[in-house]
């Protein structure tokens, strides 16, 4: 059975960190924000961490209206981007 299957090829790329994880009312989380190797599963862990931080900054008492979302995203970016 093993001889019937060719091994998978995993390409590795060197990706520069993004200058920011958000723009207007859109934020990137997990694999989209952090350059990770897809076969290590680290992007799944990063998205859980990102979602926790984003939920915390969005739940902050200073985030009361949609107009406050970019400020929350900026706080998320300041906290999470150094982890890339």
C-alpha atoms as a PDB file:
ATOM      1  CA  UNK A   1       0.000   0.000   0.000  1.00  0.00           C
ATOM      2  CA  UNK A   2       2.805   2.439   0.829  1.00  0.00           C
ATOM      3  CA  UNK A   3       4.472   1.977  -2.548  1.00  0.00           C
ATOM      4  CA  UNK A   4       1.284   3.185  -4.289  1.00  0.00           C
ATOM      5  CA  UNK A   5       1.489   6.646  -2.700  1.00  0.00           C
ATOM      6  CA  UNK A   6       4.036   9.323  -3.469  1.00  0.00           C
ATOM      7  CA  UNK A   7       5.234  11.416  -0.517  1.00  0.00           C
ATOM      8  CA  UNK A   8       3.731  14.857  -0.086  1.00  0.00           C
ATOM      9  CA  UNK A   9       5.885  17.877  -0.860  1.00  0.00           C
ATOM     10  CA  UNK A  10       5.794  20.772   1.561  1.00  0.00           C
ATOM     11  CA  UNK A  11       7.103  24.020   0.208  1.00  0.00           C
ATOM     12  CA  UNK A  12       8.739  26.356   2.670  1.00  0.00           C
ATOM     13  CA  UNK A  13       8.673  30.071   1.996  1.00  0.00           C
ATOM     14  CA  UNK A  14      10.374  32.934   3.745  1.00  0.00           C
ATOM     15  CA  UNK A  15       7.669  35.531   4.379  1.00  0.00           C
ATOM     16  CA  UNK A  16       8.242  38.979   5.795  1.00  0.00           C
ATOM     17  CA  UNK A  17       6.009  40.014   8.705  1.00  0.00           C
ATOM     18  CA  UNK A  18       3.023  42.173   7.797  1.00  0.00           C
ATOM     19  CA  UNK A  19       3.212  45.871   8.703  1.00  0.00           C
ATOM     20  CA  UNK A  20      -0.230  45.604  10.344  1.00  0.00           C
ATOM     21  CA  UNK A  21      -2.905  42.983  11.047  1.00  0.00           C
ATOM     22  CA  UNK A  22      -5.885  45.259  10.356  1.00  0.00           C
ATOM     23  CA  UNK A  23      -7.296  47.795   7.939  1.00  0.00           C
ATOM     24  CA  UNK A  24     -10.479  49.749   8.635  1.00  0.00           C
ATOM     25  CA  UNK A  25     -12.995  47.207  10.020  1.00  0.00           C
ATOM     26  CA  UNK A  26     -11.139  44.034   8.948  1.00  0.00           C
ATOM     27  CA  UNK A  27      -8.596  42.183  11.103  1.00  0.00           C
ATOM     28  CA  UNK A  28      -6.443  39.179  10.238  1.00  0.00           C
ATOM     29  CA  UNK A  29      -6.085  36.282  12.661  1.00  0.00           C
ATOM     30  CA  UNK A  30      -4.221  32.978  12.773  1.00  0.00           C
ATOM     31  CA  UNK A  31      -2.481  31.755   9.620  1.00  0.00           C
ATOM     32  CA  UNK A  32      -3.571  34.863   7.737  1.00  0.00           C
ATOM     33  CA  UNK A  33      -1.714  37.140  10.149  1.00  0.00           C
ATOM     34  CA  UNK A  34       1.214  34.997  11.271  1.00  0.00           C
ATOM     35  CA  UNK A  35       3.528  33.415   8.717  1.00  0.00           C
ATOM     36  CA  UNK A  36       3.551  29.805   9.884  1.00  0.00           C
ATOM     37  CA  UNK A  37       4.411  26.470   8.342  1.00  0.00           C
ATOM     38  CA  UNK A  38       1.148  24.752   7.546  1.00  0.00           C
ATOM     39  CA  UNK A  39       2.184  21.263   8.608  1.00  0.00           C
ATOM     40  CA  UNK A  40       3.023  22.244  12.192  1.00  0.00           C
ATOM     41  CA  UNK A  41      -0.488  23.287  13.208  1.00  0.00           C
ATOM     42  CA  UNK A  42       0.840  26.410  14.885  1.00  0.00           C
ATOM     43  CA  UNK A  43      -1.597  28.607  12.944  1.00  0.00           C
ATOM     44  CA  UNK A  44      -4.487  26.924  14.775  1.00  0.00           C
ATOM     45  CA  UNK A  45      -2.933  27.827  18.111  1.00  0.00           C
ATOM     46  CA  UNK A  46      -2.234  31.373  16.939  1.00  0.00           C
ATOM     47  CA  UNK A  47      -5.861  31.894  15.889  1.00  0.00           C
ATOM     48  CA  UNK A  48      -7.091  30.856  19.343  1.00  0.00           C
ATOM     49  CA  UNK A  49      -4.687  33.311  20.987  1.00  0.00           C
ATOM     50  CA  UNK A  50      -5.617  36.037  18.470  1.00  0.00           C
ATOM     51  CA  UNK A  51      -9.349  35.481  19.001  1.00  0.00           C
ATOM     52  CA  UNK A  52      -8.948  35.706  22.779  1.00  0.00           C
ATOM     53  CA  UNK A  53      -7.048  38.996  22.598  1.00  0.00           C
ATOM     54  CA  UNK A  54      -9.417  40.424  19.979  1.00  0.00           C
ATOM     55  CA  UNK A  55     -12.458  39.459  22.074  1.00  0.00           C
ATOM     56  CA  UNK A  56     -10.907  41.097  25.117  1.00  0.00           C
ATOM     57  CA  UNK A  57     -10.140  44.388  23.357  1.00  0.00           C
ATOM     58  CA  UNK A  58     -13.561  44.453  21.664  1.00  0.00           C
ATOM     59  CA  UNK A  59     -15.268  43.821  25.025  1.00  0.00           C
ATOM     60  CA  UNK A  60     -13.341  46.655  26.621  1.00  0.00           C
ATOM     61  CA  UNK A  61     -15.560  49.410  28.016  1.00  0.00           C
ATOM     62  CA  UNK A  62     -14.027  51.875  25.526  1.00  0.00           C
ATOM     63  CA  UNK A  63     -15.410  49.903  22.553  1.00  0.00           C
ATOM     64  CA  UNK A  64     -19.029  51.065  22.581  1.00  0.00           C
ATOM     65  CA  UNK A  65     -19.856  51.707  18.920  1.00  0.00           C
ATOM     66  CA  UNK A  66     -18.774  50.521  15.477  1.00  0.00           C
ATOM     67  CA  UNK A  67     -16.673  53.666  15.215  1.00  0.00           C
ATOM     68  CA  UNK A  68     -14.521  52.317  18.076  1.00  0.00           C
ATOM     69  CA  UNK A  69     -13.642  49.087  16.242  1.00  0.00           C
ATOM     70  CA  UNK A  70     -10.522  50.470  14.493  1.00  0.00           C
ATOM     71  CA  UNK A  71      -9.164  51.528  17.901  1.00  0.00           C
ATOM     72  CA  UNK A  72      -9.757  48.021  19.238  1.00  0.00           C
ATOM     73  CA  UNK A  73      -8.080  46.549  16.157  1.00  0.00           C
ATOM     74  CA  UNK A  74      -5.102  48.842  16.716  1.00  0.00           C
ATOM     75  CA  UNK A  75      -4.790  47.567  20.301  1.00  0.00           C
ATOM     76  CA  UNK A  76      -5.025  43.968  19.025  1.00  0.00           C
ATOM     77  CA  UNK A  77      -2.326  44.746  16.445  1.00  0.00           C
ATOM     78  CA  UNK A  78       0.022  46.242  19.043  1.00  0.00           C
ATOM     79  CA  UNK A  79      -0.399  43.193  21.278  1.00  0.00           C
ATOM     80  CA  UNK A  80      -0.308  40.390  18.690  1.00  0.00           C
ATOM     81  CA  UNK A  81       1.966  41.487  15.835  1.00  0.00           C
ATOM     82  CA  UNK A  82       5.165  41.114  17.910  1.00  0.00           C
ATOM     83  CA  UNK A  83       4.290  37.373  18.158  1.00  0.00           C
ATOM     84  CA  UNK A  84       4.803  36.948  14.397  1.00  0.00           C
END
